C-alpha cells in the first residue's frame, strides 16, 4: 500500500505491507486523513516513534476479524488509544482506557497510523459516521473531541465567563465545543482572520495586544507556549480553573507562585470521546473554513511542508 513512513526522516513509499486485523480488530481503508501538530512533532523525534504516523481519519471498514460484522462496509472514525483491556488493569476496568499504561496509540506509540491506505483498530474504537457529515468534516472528529474533553472534566455553565487563549486549529475547535454550553466566551489570538472564523459562535474576540485586563472563571490555554501559559494564568480569577490543552515543551522556568497565591485549579486535558464531537458535526456546522489545503497521498510530503508553515490551519491527505 501507499504510505508516508517515518524513520529518522519522512518518506513516501508505495509498497508498504497492508496490515491484517488481529482478533477483535477491523481493517479500515482510509479515505481522508488530517495532519496534526503532533504528527509534525513526531518528525522531530517526539515519542521516538518509527512507522506510519497519523491519527485523524475517516475510512471504510473492509474486513472484521470478529463475529460481530455490523460495521462491515460502514464509514467510520476511530478513537486512537487502544487499551490492553486486561482484568488486572485498573484504568481499563474504570473505563479509562485512554490512560491505560499498556495502550498503543494510533500513529503515535506502538501502532502504525493513518497516513497509509489501510489501518487496523479494535472494533470498539470505531464509530459510524452519520450520512450527513462529509468526509472532509468527519476527519475533524478527533481534534474536535479533544475540545469536548474539557466538558467531561470541567463543569461549564451559561453563568461562567470563559477565555480561550490561542487561535490555532485546536483553539478554534475548542471554541466550537465550548459554544454548546451557553457560557460567555472570549477568544484571544494573534490573527484577525482566524478569529473571524469563530465569530458566528457569538462569543467576543480580541487581538492579543487589545485584550482587556480582565480575569475569567475558566481559562483554556491552547498555545503550547510559556508566554501563552503566563498570559492564561494572569487572566484566571482567584479560585478559577486553568485548563492546559496543549503540552508546553520548554526548558524555560515557569513561576507557579500565582497558582498558590490565587488558589488556581490547573487541569490537564488530552484526548476526548468521539460521540459528542460526531453529534455536534451532524448538526450541520460548517467547518470547511478551517481546512487550509488538500493533497493526494502521492504528494503527502508536500502536505507536510504546507502544514509546517506557521499559522497554517488544517491540511488534509486524501486517498
C-alpha atoms as a PDB file:
ATOM      1  CA  UNK A   1       0.000   0.000   0.000  1.00  0.00           C
ATOM      2  CA  UNK A   2       0.995   3.657  -0.356  1.00  0.00           C
ATOM      3  CA  UNK A   3       2.097   5.303   2.857  1.00  0.00           C
ATOM      4  CA  UNK A   4       4.126   8.034   4.481  1.00  0.00           C
ATOM      5  CA  UNK A   5       6.628   6.367   6.786  1.00  0.00           C
ATOM      6  CA  UNK A   6       8.912   7.977   9.354  1.00  0.00           C
ATOM      7  CA  UNK A   7      12.302   6.551  10.303  1.00  0.00           C
ATOM      8  CA  UNK A   8      14.663   9.464  11.001  1.00  0.00           C
ATOM      9  CA  UNK A   9      13.050  11.156   8.006  1.00  0.00           C
ATOM     10  CA  UNK A  10       9.590  11.170   6.472  1.00  0.00           C
ATOM     11  CA  UNK A  11       9.353   9.253   3.195  1.00  0.00           C
ATOM     12  CA  UNK A  12       6.645   8.274   0.705  1.00  0.00           C
ATOM     13  CA  UNK A  13       6.607   4.618  -0.349  1.00  0.00           C
ATOM     14  CA  UNK A  14       4.177   2.599  -2.449  1.00  0.00           C
ATOM     15  CA  UNK A  15       4.990  -0.951  -1.303  1.00  0.00           C
ATOM     16  CA  UNK A  16       4.339  -0.994   2.453  1.00  0.00           C
ATOM     17  CA  UNK A  17       2.663  -4.270   3.540  1.00  0.00           C
ATOM     18  CA  UNK A  18      -1.094  -3.980   4.044  1.00  0.00           C
ATOM     19  CA  UNK A  19      -1.881  -4.838   7.702  1.00  0.00           C
ATOM     20  CA  UNK A  20      -4.071  -7.756   8.788  1.00  0.00           C
ATOM     21  CA  UNK A  21      -6.575  -7.294  11.617  1.00  0.00           C
ATOM     22  CA  UNK A  22      -5.944  -9.265  14.794  1.00  0.00           C
ATOM     23  CA  UNK A  23      -8.900 -10.923  16.590  1.00  0.00           C
ATOM     24  CA  UNK A  24     -11.332  -8.198  17.617  1.00  0.00           C
ATOM     25  CA  UNK A  25      -9.930  -5.733  15.097  1.00  0.00           C
ATOM     26  CA  UNK A  26     -11.159  -4.241  11.834  1.00  0.00           C
ATOM     27  CA  UNK A  27      -9.286  -3.404   8.634  1.00  0.00           C
ATOM     28  CA  UNK A  28     -10.159   0.131   7.538  1.00  0.00           C
ATOM     29  CA  UNK A  29      -9.499   1.686   4.140  1.00  0.00           C
ATOM     30  CA  UNK A  30      -8.582   5.322   4.708  1.00  0.00           C
ATOM     31  CA  UNK A  31     -10.461   7.951   2.696  1.00  0.00           C
ATOM     32  CA  UNK A  32      -9.168  11.161   4.290  1.00  0.00           C
ATOM     33  CA  UNK A  33      -6.535  11.827   6.956  1.00  0.00           C
ATOM     34  CA  UNK A  34      -5.645  15.068   8.750  1.00  0.00           C
ATOM     35  CA  UNK A  35      -2.180  16.359   9.608  1.00  0.00           C
ATOM     36  CA  UNK A  36      -1.894  17.373  13.253  1.00  0.00           C
ATOM     37  CA  UNK A  37       0.808  19.330  15.082  1.00  0.00           C
ATOM     38  CA  UNK A  38       1.603  16.090  16.911  1.00  0.00           C
ATOM     39  CA  UNK A  39       2.446  14.471  13.555  1.00  0.00           C
ATOM     40  CA  UNK A  40       4.860  17.296  12.833  1.00  0.00           C
ATOM     41  CA  UNK A  41       6.463  16.861  16.262  1.00  0.00           C
ATOM     42  CA  UNK A  42       6.874  13.136  15.539  1.00  0.00           C
ATOM     43  CA  UNK A  43       9.032  14.048  12.537  1.00  0.00           C
ATOM     44  CA  UNK A  44      11.236  15.951  15.018  1.00  0.00           C
ATOM     45  CA  UNK A  45      11.629  12.880  17.246  1.00  0.00           C
ATOM     46  CA  UNK A  46       8.606  13.117  19.554  1.00  0.00           C
ATOM     47  CA  UNK A  47       7.861   9.816  21.342  1.00  0.00           C
ATOM     48  CA  UNK A  48      10.714   8.148  19.437  1.00  0.00           C
ATOM     49  CA  UNK A  49       8.078   6.888  17.009  1.00  0.00           C
ATOM     50  CA  UNK A  50       9.059   4.951  13.887  1.00  0.00           C
ATOM     51  CA  UNK A  51       6.490   3.781  11.354  1.00  0.00           C
ATOM     52  CA  UNK A  52       3.426   5.334   9.748  1.00  0.00           C
ATOM     53  CA  UNK A  53       2.250   8.434  11.649  1.00  0.00           C
ATOM     54  CA  UNK A  54      -1.244   9.955  11.563  1.00  0.00           C
ATOM     55  CA  UNK A  55      -4.265   9.613  13.854  1.00  0.00           C
ATOM     56  CA  UNK A  56      -7.070  11.738  12.363  1.00  0.00           C
ATOM     57  CA  UNK A  57      -9.039   9.809   9.746  1.00  0.00           C
ATOM     58  CA  UNK A  58     -12.302   8.762   8.197  1.00  0.00           C
ATOM     59  CA  UNK A  59     -12.448   5.441   6.369  1.00  0.00           C
ATOM     60  CA  UNK A  60     -14.426   2.385   5.280  1.00  0.00           C
ATOM     61  CA  UNK A  61     -14.404  -0.912   7.206  1.00  0.00           C
ATOM     62  CA  UNK A  62     -13.398  -3.604   4.702  1.00  0.00           C
ATOM     63  CA  UNK A  63     -12.783  -6.593   6.986  1.00  0.00           C
ATOM     64  CA  UNK A  64     -13.583  -7.543  10.575  1.00  0.00           C
ATOM     65  CA  UNK A  65     -11.834 -10.333  12.462  1.00  0.00           C
ATOM     66  CA  UNK A  66     -14.730 -10.950  14.816  1.00  0.00           C
ATOM     67  CA  UNK A  67     -18.203 -12.500  14.887  1.00  0.00           C
ATOM     68  CA  UNK A  68     -19.762  -9.025  15.059  1.00  0.00           C
ATOM     69  CA  UNK A  69     -19.838  -7.841  11.437  1.00  0.00           C
ATOM     70  CA  UNK A  70     -22.211  -4.903  11.976  1.00  0.00           C
ATOM     71  CA  UNK A  71     -19.690  -2.246  10.904  1.00  0.00           C
ATOM     72  CA  UNK A  72     -18.601  -4.028   7.741  1.00  0.00           C
ATOM     73  CA  UNK A  73     -18.808  -1.610   4.801  1.00  0.00           C
ATOM     74  CA  UNK A  74     -19.590   1.308   7.092  1.00  0.00           C
ATOM     75  CA  UNK A  75     -17.877   4.696   7.070  1.00  0.00           C
ATOM     76  CA  UNK A  76     -16.163   5.197  10.422  1.00  0.00           C
ATOM     77  CA  UNK A  77     -13.874   7.314  12.554  1.00  0.00           C
ATOM     78  CA  UNK A  78     -11.838   5.782  15.346  1.00  0.00           C
ATOM     79  CA  UNK A  79     -10.631   6.662  18.819  1.00  0.00           C
ATOM     80  CA  UNK A  80      -6.859   6.498  18.778  1.00  0.00           C
ATOM     81  CA  UNK A  81      -5.982   4.865  22.119  1.00  0.00           C
ATOM     82  CA  UNK A  82      -6.038   1.065  22.133  1.00  0.00           C
ATOM     83  CA  UNK A  83      -6.227  -0.199  25.710  1.00  0.00           C
ATOM     84  CA  UNK A  84      -4.941  -3.560  26.930  1.00  0.00           C
ATOM     85  CA  UNK A  85      -8.399  -4.462  28.352  1.00  0.00           C
ATOM     86  CA  UNK A  86      -6.855  -6.815  30.913  1.00  0.00           C
ATOM     87  CA  UNK A  87      -8.792  -7.513  34.099  1.00  0.00           C
ATOM     88  CA  UNK A  88      -5.791  -6.521  36.202  1.00  0.00           C
ATOM     89  CA  UNK A  89      -5.575  -3.068  34.580  1.00  0.00           C
ATOM     90  CA  UNK A  90      -7.267  -0.610  36.946  1.00  0.00           C
ATOM     91  CA  UNK A  91      -7.629   2.043  34.228  1.00  0.00           C
ATOM     92  CA  UNK A  92      -9.313  -0.296  31.752  1.00  0.00           C
ATOM     93  CA  UNK A  93     -11.643  -1.563  34.467  1.00  0.00           C
ATOM     94  CA  UNK A  94     -12.656   2.032  35.244  1.00  0.00           C
ATOM     95  CA  UNK A  95     -13.380   2.786  31.576  1.00  0.00           C
ATOM     96  CA  UNK A  96     -10.247   4.944  31.310  1.00  0.00           C
ATOM     97  CA  UNK A  97      -8.531   3.067  28.509  1.00  0.00           C
ATOM     98  CA  UNK A  98      -7.175   6.389  27.270  1.00  0.00           C
ATOM     99  CA  UNK A  99      -4.840   6.225  30.295  1.00  0.00           C
ATOM    100  CA  UNK A 100      -4.044   2.505  30.164  1.00  0.00           C
ATOM    101  CA  UNK A 101      -0.277   2.229  30.807  1.00  0.00           C
ATOM    102  CA  UNK A 102      -0.040  -0.594  28.257  1.00  0.00           C
ATOM    103  CA  UNK A 103      -2.013   1.136  25.492  1.00  0.00           C
ATOM    104  CA  UNK A 104      -0.895   1.663  21.941  1.00  0.00           C
ATOM    105  CA  UNK A 105      -1.818   4.905  20.204  1.00  0.00           C
ATOM    106  CA  UNK A 106      -2.601   5.201  16.513  1.00  0.00           C
ATOM    107  CA  UNK A 107       0.336   6.750  14.681  1.00  0.00           C
ATOM    108  CA  UNK A 108       1.960   7.937  17.912  1.00  0.00           C
ATOM    109  CA  UNK A 109       3.046   4.973  20.014  1.00  0.00           C
ATOM    110  CA  UNK A 110       3.307   1.288  19.137  1.00  0.00           C
ATOM    111  CA  UNK A 111       0.772   1.276  16.273  1.00  0.00           C
ATOM    112  CA  UNK A 112       1.018   2.360  12.639  1.00  0.00           C
ATOM    113  CA  UNK A 113      -1.227   5.289  11.801  1.00  0.00           C
ATOM    114  CA  UNK A 114      -3.459   6.572   9.046  1.00  0.00           C
ATOM    115  CA  UNK A 115      -1.013   8.109   6.561  1.00  0.00           C
ATOM    116  CA  UNK A 116      -1.274   4.776   4.787  1.00  0.00           C
ATOM    117  CA  UNK A 117      -4.072   3.336   2.690  1.00  0.00           C
ATOM    118  CA  UNK A 118      -5.129   0.901   5.444  1.00  0.00           C
ATOM    119  CA  UNK A 119      -5.067   0.712   9.236  1.00  0.00           C
ATOM    120  CA  UNK A 120      -6.310  -1.732  11.858  1.00  0.00           C
ATOM    121  CA  UNK A 121      -8.112  -0.767  15.056  1.00  0.00           C
ATOM    122  CA  UNK A 122     -10.176  -2.606  17.681  1.00  0.00           C
ATOM    123  CA  UNK A 123     -13.833  -2.588  16.654  1.00  0.00           C
ATOM    124  CA  UNK A 124     -14.837  -0.985  19.974  1.00  0.00           C
ATOM    125  CA  UNK A 125     -12.779   2.062  18.964  1.00  0.00           C
ATOM    126  CA  UNK A 126     -14.888   2.660  15.853  1.00  0.00           C
ATOM    127  CA  UNK A 127     -17.948   4.873  15.457  1.00  0.00           C
ATOM    128  CA  UNK A 128     -20.099   5.008  12.355  1.00  0.00           C
ATOM    129  CA  UNK A 129     -20.228   8.431  10.716  1.00  0.00           C
ATOM    130  CA  UNK A 130     -23.729   9.820  10.054  1.00  0.00           C
ATOM    131  CA  UNK A 131     -24.530  10.181   6.347  1.00  0.00           C
ATOM    132  CA  UNK A 132     -24.907  13.956   6.549  1.00  0.00           C
ATOM    133  CA  UNK A 133     -21.274  14.562   7.590  1.00  0.00           C
ATOM    134  CA  UNK A 134     -18.932  14.889   4.565  1.00  0.00           C
ATOM    135  CA  UNK A 135     -15.547  13.134   4.677  1.00  0.00           C
ATOM    136  CA  UNK A 136     -13.604  16.396   4.888  1.00  0.00           C
ATOM    137  CA  UNK A 137     -15.585  17.359   8.004  1.00  0.00           C
ATOM    138  CA  UNK A 138     -15.737  13.892   9.587  1.00  0.00           C
ATOM    139  CA  UNK A 139     -11.938  13.780   9.623  1.00  0.00           C
ATOM    140  CA  UNK A 140     -12.038  16.622  12.178  1.00  0.00           C
ATOM    141  CA  UNK A 141     -13.809  14.398  14.733  1.00  0.00           C
ATOM    142  CA  UNK A 142     -10.636  13.526  16.657  1.00  0.00           C
ATOM    143  CA  UNK A 143      -9.330  17.074  17.240  1.00  0.00           C
ATOM    144  CA  UNK A 144     -12.870  18.324  17.922  1.00  0.00           C
ATOM    145  CA  UNK A 145     -13.292  15.553  20.503  1.00  0.00           C
ATOM    146  CA  UNK A 146     -10.250  16.967  22.292  1.00  0.00           C
ATOM    147  CA  UNK A 147     -12.256  20.169  22.708  1.00  0.00           C
ATOM    148  CA  UNK A 148     -15.277  18.307  24.069  1.00  0.00           C
ATOM    149  CA  UNK A 149     -12.994  16.531  26.561  1.00  0.00           C
ATOM    150  CA  UNK A 150     -12.900  19.797  28.518  1.00  0.00           C
ATOM    151  CA  UNK A 151     -16.632  19.444  29.155  1.00  0.00           C
ATOM    152  CA  UNK A 152     -16.032  15.986  30.649  1.00  0.00           C
ATOM    153  CA  UNK A 153     -13.504  17.399  33.089  1.00  0.00           C
ATOM    154  CA  UNK A 154     -14.816  20.860  33.973  1.00  0.00           C
ATOM    155  CA  UNK A 155     -18.382  21.902  34.707  1.00  0.00           C
ATOM    156  CA  UNK A 156     -19.123  24.892  32.465  1.00  0.00           C
ATOM    157  CA  UNK A 157     -22.493  26.636  32.589  1.00  0.00           C
ATOM    158  CA  UNK A 158     -24.057  29.669  30.968  1.00  0.00           C
ATOM    159  CA  UNK A 159     -23.131  31.648  34.081  1.00  0.00           C
ATOM    160  CA  UNK A 160     -19.392  31.164  33.505  1.00  0.00           C
ATOM    161  CA  UNK A 161     -17.060  33.568  31.772  1.00  0.00           C
ATOM    162  CA  UNK A 162     -14.562  31.560  29.710  1.00  0.00           C
ATOM    163  CA  UNK A 163     -11.382  32.699  27.971  1.00  0.00           C
ATOM    164  CA  UNK A 164      -9.777  30.676  25.157  1.00  0.00           C
ATOM    165  CA  UNK A 165      -6.139  31.596  24.530  1.00  0.00           C
ATOM    166  CA  UNK A 166      -4.751  30.694  21.099  1.00  0.00           C
ATOM    167  CA  UNK A 167      -6.288  30.829  17.608  1.00  0.00           C
ATOM    168  CA  UNK A 168      -4.630  27.793  16.033  1.00  0.00           C
ATOM    169  CA  UNK A 169      -6.545  24.746  14.800  1.00  0.00           C
ATOM    170  CA  UNK A 170      -7.066  23.383  18.316  1.00  0.00           C
ATOM    171  CA  UNK A 171      -8.154  26.708  19.788  1.00  0.00           C
ATOM    172  CA  UNK A 172     -10.748  27.230  17.057  1.00  0.00           C
ATOM    173  CA  UNK A 173     -12.205  23.737  17.545  1.00  0.00           C
ATOM    174  CA  UNK A 174     -12.300  24.263  21.316  1.00  0.00           C
ATOM    175  CA  UNK A 175     -14.385  27.366  20.654  1.00  0.00           C
ATOM    176  CA  UNK A 176     -16.887  25.237  18.738  1.00  0.00           C
ATOM    177  CA  UNK A 177     -17.066  22.664  21.539  1.00  0.00           C
ATOM    178  CA  UNK A 178     -17.495  25.222  24.304  1.00  0.00           C
ATOM    179  CA  UNK A 179     -20.075  27.184  22.321  1.00  0.00           C
ATOM    180  CA  UNK A 180     -22.532  24.366  23.129  1.00  0.00           C
ATOM    181  CA  UNK A 181     -22.507  25.334  26.846  1.00  0.00           C
ATOM    182  CA  UNK A 182     -24.049  28.787  26.533  1.00  0.00           C
ATOM    183  CA  UNK A 183     -21.146  30.233  28.554  1.00  0.00           C
ATOM    184  CA  UNK A 184     -19.870  33.753  27.883  1.00  0.00           C
ATOM    185  CA  UNK A 185     -16.839  33.004  25.701  1.00  0.00           C
ATOM    186  CA  UNK A 186     -13.975  35.353  24.928  1.00  0.00           C
ATOM    187  CA  UNK A 187     -11.319  34.208  22.454  1.00  0.00           C
ATOM    188  CA  UNK A 188      -7.933  35.886  22.158  1.00  0.00           C
ATOM    189  CA  UNK A 189      -5.293  35.334  19.488  1.00  0.00           C
ATOM    190  CA  UNK A 190      -2.778  36.935  17.156  1.00  0.00           C
ATOM    191  CA  UNK A 191      -4.568  36.535  13.815  1.00  0.00           C
ATOM    192  CA  UNK A 192      -7.699  38.538  12.992  1.00  0.00           C
ATOM    193  CA  UNK A 193      -8.572  36.277  10.034  1.00  0.00           C
ATOM    194  CA  UNK A 194      -8.584  33.181  12.247  1.00  0.00           C
ATOM    195  CA  UNK A 195     -10.623  34.797  14.997  1.00  0.00           C
ATOM    196  CA  UNK A 196     -13.135  35.776  12.314  1.00  0.00           C
ATOM    197  CA  UNK A 197     -13.800  32.043  11.765  1.00  0.00           C
ATOM    198  CA  UNK A 198     -15.458  31.680  15.195  1.00  0.00           C
ATOM    199  CA  UNK A 199     -17.388  34.960  15.359  1.00  0.00           C
ATOM    200  CA  UNK A 200     -20.521  33.100  14.273  1.00  0.00           C
ATOM    201  CA  UNK A 201     -20.424  31.313  17.639  1.00  0.00           C
ATOM    202  CA  UNK A 202     -21.481  34.639  19.216  1.00  0.00           C
ATOM    203  CA  UNK A 203     -18.575  34.968  21.611  1.00  0.00           C
ATOM    204  CA  UNK A 204     -16.334  38.005  21.608  1.00  0.00           C
ATOM    205  CA  UNK A 205     -12.824  38.018  20.160  1.00  0.00           C
ATOM    206  CA  UNK A 206      -9.762  40.137  20.854  1.00  0.00           C
ATOM    207  CA  UNK A 207      -6.354  40.513  19.316  1.00  0.00           C
ATOM    208  CA  UNK A 208      -3.677  39.778  21.914  1.00  0.00           C
ATOM    209  CA  UNK A 209      -2.478  43.376  22.131  1.00  0.00           C
ATOM    210  CA  UNK A 210      -6.043  44.631  22.615  1.00  0.00           C
ATOM    211  CA  UNK A 211      -7.058  42.168  25.339  1.00  0.00           C
ATOM    212  CA  UNK A 212      -8.564  43.944  28.392  1.00  0.00           C
ATOM    213  CA  UNK A 213      -7.062  43.330  31.826  1.00  0.00           C
ATOM    214  CA  UNK A 214      -9.900  41.082  32.889  1.00  0.00           C
ATOM    215  CA  UNK A 215      -9.954  37.784  34.757  1.00  0.00           C
ATOM    216  CA  UNK A 216     -12.184  34.797  33.956  1.00  0.00           C
ATOM    217  CA  UNK A 217     -13.784  31.883  35.789  1.00  0.00           C
ATOM    218  CA  UNK A 218     -12.259  29.365  33.366  1.00  0.00           C
ATOM    219  CA  UNK A 219      -9.295  29.860  31.028  1.00  0.00           C
ATOM    220  CA  UNK A 220      -8.300  27.411  28.272  1.00  0.00           C
ATOM    221  CA  UNK A 221      -4.614  27.554  27.268  1.00  0.00           C
ATOM    222  CA  UNK A 222      -4.198  26.326  23.671  1.00  0.00           C
ATOM    223  CA  UNK A 223      -0.938  27.915  22.546  1.00  0.00           C
ATOM    224  CA  UNK A 224       1.613  25.445  23.893  1.00  0.00           C
ATOM    225  CA  UNK A 225       3.972  28.296  24.789  1.00  0.00           C
ATOM    226  CA  UNK A 226       5.391  29.693  28.025  1.00  0.00           C
ATOM    227  CA  UNK A 227       4.094  33.137  27.136  1.00  0.00           C
ATOM    228  CA  UNK A 228       0.632  31.687  26.485  1.00  0.00           C
ATOM    229  CA  UNK A 229       0.689  29.899  29.836  1.00  0.00           C
ATOM    230  CA  UNK A 230       1.737  33.043  31.718  1.00  0.00           C
ATOM    231  CA  UNK A 231      -0.905  35.089  29.899  1.00  0.00           C
ATOM    232  CA  UNK A 232      -3.571  32.481  30.717  1.00  0.00           C
ATOM    233  CA  UNK A 233      -2.576  32.333  34.373  1.00  0.00           C
ATOM    234  CA  UNK A 234      -2.713  36.118  34.698  1.00  0.00           C
ATOM    235  CA  UNK A 235      -6.279  36.124  33.347  1.00  0.00           C
ATOM    236  CA  UNK A 236      -7.579  33.386  35.667  1.00  0.00           C
ATOM    237  CA  UNK A 237      -9.627  34.550  38.651  1.00  0.00           C
ATOM    238  CA  UNK A 238      -8.631  33.559  42.186  1.00  0.00           C
ATOM    239  CA  UNK A 239     -10.056  30.057  42.710  1.00  0.00           C
ATOM    240  CA  UNK A 240     -10.669  29.862  38.979  1.00  0.00           C
ATOM    241  CA  UNK A 241      -9.735  26.976  36.675  1.00  0.00           C
ATOM    242  CA  UNK A 242      -6.928  26.930  34.129  1.00  0.00           C
ATOM    243  CA  UNK A 243      -7.174  24.122  31.538  1.00  0.00           C
ATOM    244  CA  UNK A 244      -3.957  23.180  29.767  1.00  0.00           C
ATOM    245  CA  UNK A 245      -4.971  21.876  26.365  1.00  0.00           C
ATOM    246  CA  UNK A 246      -1.504  21.762  24.823  1.00  0.00           C
ATOM    247  CA  UNK A 247       1.790  20.458  26.102  1.00  0.00           C
ATOM    248  CA  UNK A 248       4.422  23.083  26.847  1.00  0.00           C
ATOM    249  CA  UNK A 249       7.741  21.541  25.792  1.00  0.00           C
ATOM    250  CA  UNK A 250      10.212  24.099  27.050  1.00  0.00           C
ATOM    251  CA  UNK A 251      13.223  24.224  29.342  1.00  0.00           C
ATOM    252  CA  UNK A 252      12.267  27.725  30.471  1.00  0.00           C
ATOM    253  CA  UNK A 253      11.281  28.159  34.089  1.00  0.00           C
ATOM    254  CA  UNK A 254       7.633  28.759  34.973  1.00  0.00           C
ATOM    255  CA  UNK A 255       6.784  30.813  38.064  1.00  0.00           C
ATOM    256  CA  UNK A 256       3.942  28.915  39.740  1.00  0.00           C
ATOM    257  CA  UNK A 257       3.553  31.405  42.592  1.00  0.00           C
ATOM    258  CA  UNK A 258       0.235  32.807  41.246  1.00  0.00           C
ATOM    259  CA  UNK A 259      -1.216  29.281  41.235  1.00  0.00           C
ATOM    260  CA  UNK A 260      -0.719  29.041  45.005  1.00  0.00           C
ATOM    261  CA  UNK A 261      -1.485  32.643  45.880  1.00  0.00           C
ATOM    262  CA  UNK A 262      -4.694  32.703  43.808  1.00  0.00           C
ATOM    263  CA  UNK A 263      -5.592  29.060  44.552  1.00  0.00           C
ATOM    264  CA  UNK A 264      -5.969  28.292  40.847  1.00  0.00           C
ATOM    265  CA  UNK A 265      -7.020  24.791  39.836  1.00  0.00           C
ATOM    266  CA  UNK A 266      -4.962  23.514  36.897  1.00  0.00           C
ATOM    267  CA  UNK A 267      -6.492  20.766  34.743  1.00  0.00           C
ATOM    268  CA  UNK A 268      -4.529  18.840  32.135  1.00  0.00           C
ATOM    269  CA  UNK A 269      -6.708  17.840  29.175  1.00  0.00           C
ATOM    270  CA  UNK A 270      -5.935  15.484  26.295  1.00  0.00           C
ATOM    271  CA  UNK A 271      -7.970  13.167  24.033  1.00  0.00           C
ATOM    272  CA  UNK A 272     -11.760  13.069  24.167  1.00  0.00           C
ATOM    273  CA  UNK A 273     -14.620  10.705  23.402  1.00  0.00           C
ATOM    274  CA  UNK A 274     -15.875  10.885  19.828  1.00  0.00           C
ATOM    275  CA  UNK A 275     -19.657  10.746  20.247  1.00  0.00           C
ATOM    276  CA  UNK A 276     -20.152  14.365  21.437  1.00  0.00           C
ATOM    277  CA  UNK A 277     -17.999  15.552  18.527  1.00  0.00           C
ATOM    278  CA  UNK A 278     -19.953  13.493  15.978  1.00  0.00           C
ATOM    279  CA  UNK A 279     -23.252  14.747  17.426  1.00  0.00           C
ATOM    280  CA  UNK A 280     -22.037  18.322  17.000  1.00  0.00           C
ATOM    281  CA  UNK A 281     -20.847  17.732  13.434  1.00  0.00           C
ATOM    282  CA  UNK A 282     -24.136  16.060  12.494  1.00  0.00           C
ATOM    283  CA  UNK A 283     -25.957  19.276  13.478  1.00  0.00           C
ATOM    284  CA  UNK A 284     -24.716  20.721  10.194  1.00  0.00           C
ATOM    285  CA  UNK A 285     -21.998  23.085  11.435  1.00  0.00           C
ATOM    286  CA  UNK A 286     -19.697  24.155   8.597  1.00  0.00           C
ATOM    287  CA  UNK A 287     -16.027  23.690   9.487  1.00  0.00           C
ATOM    288  CA  UNK A 288     -14.778  23.927   5.916  1.00  0.00           C
ATOM    289  CA  UNK A 289     -13.156  27.342   6.602  1.00  0.00           C
ATOM    290  CA  UNK A 290     -10.735  25.553   8.945  1.00  0.00           C
ATOM    291  CA  UNK A 291      -9.353  23.461   6.057  1.00  0.00           C
ATOM    292  CA  UNK A 292      -6.253  25.081   4.563  1.00  0.00           C
ATOM    293  CA  UNK A 293      -5.327  22.614   1.802  1.00  0.00           C
ATOM    294  CA  UNK A 294      -5.904  19.079   0.487  1.00  0.00           C
ATOM    295  CA  UNK A 295      -3.199  16.819  -1.013  1.00  0.00           C
ATOM    296  CA  UNK A 296      -3.331  13.315  -2.532  1.00  0.00           C
ATOM    297  CA  UNK A 297      -1.232  10.732  -0.678  1.00  0.00           C
ATOM    298  CA  UNK A 298       1.290  10.724  -3.548  1.00  0.00           C
ATOM    299  CA  UNK A 299       2.021  14.372  -2.652  1.00  0.00           C
ATOM    300  CA  UNK A 300       1.775  13.825   1.088  1.00  0.00           C
ATOM    301  CA  UNK A 301       5.284  15.145   1.715  1.00  0.00           C
ATOM    302  CA  UNK A 302       4.192  18.457   0.189  1.00  0.00           C
ATOM    303  CA  UNK A 303       1.201  18.387   2.504  1.00  0.00           C
ATOM    304  CA  UNK A 304       3.508  18.093   5.498  1.00  0.00           C
ATOM    305  CA  UNK A 305       5.561  21.051   4.328  1.00  0.00           C
ATOM    306  CA  UNK A 306       2.361  23.071   3.994  1.00  0.00           C
ATOM    307  CA  UNK A 307       1.243  22.048   7.476  1.00  0.00           C
ATOM    308  CA  UNK A 308       4.607  23.099   8.931  1.00  0.00           C
ATOM    309  CA  UNK A 309       4.139  26.707   7.813  1.00  0.00           C
ATOM    310  CA  UNK A 310       3.450  28.811  10.874  1.00  0.00           C
ATOM    311  CA  UNK A 311      -0.189  29.799  11.000  1.00  0.00           C
ATOM    312  CA  UNK A 312      -1.446  27.011   8.733  1.00  0.00           C
ATOM    313  CA  UNK A 313      -4.855  25.621   9.507  1.00  0.00           C
ATOM    314  CA  UNK A 314      -5.881  22.015   8.793  1.00  0.00           C
ATOM    315  CA  UNK A 315      -4.122  20.205   5.939  1.00  0.00           C
ATOM    316  CA  UNK A 316      -5.786  17.007   4.686  1.00  0.00           C
ATOM    317  CA  UNK A 317      -4.479  13.998   2.771  1.00  0.00           C
ATOM    318  CA  UNK A 318      -6.877  12.094   0.522  1.00  0.00           C
ATOM    319  CA  UNK A 319      -6.507   8.532  -0.746  1.00  0.00           C
END
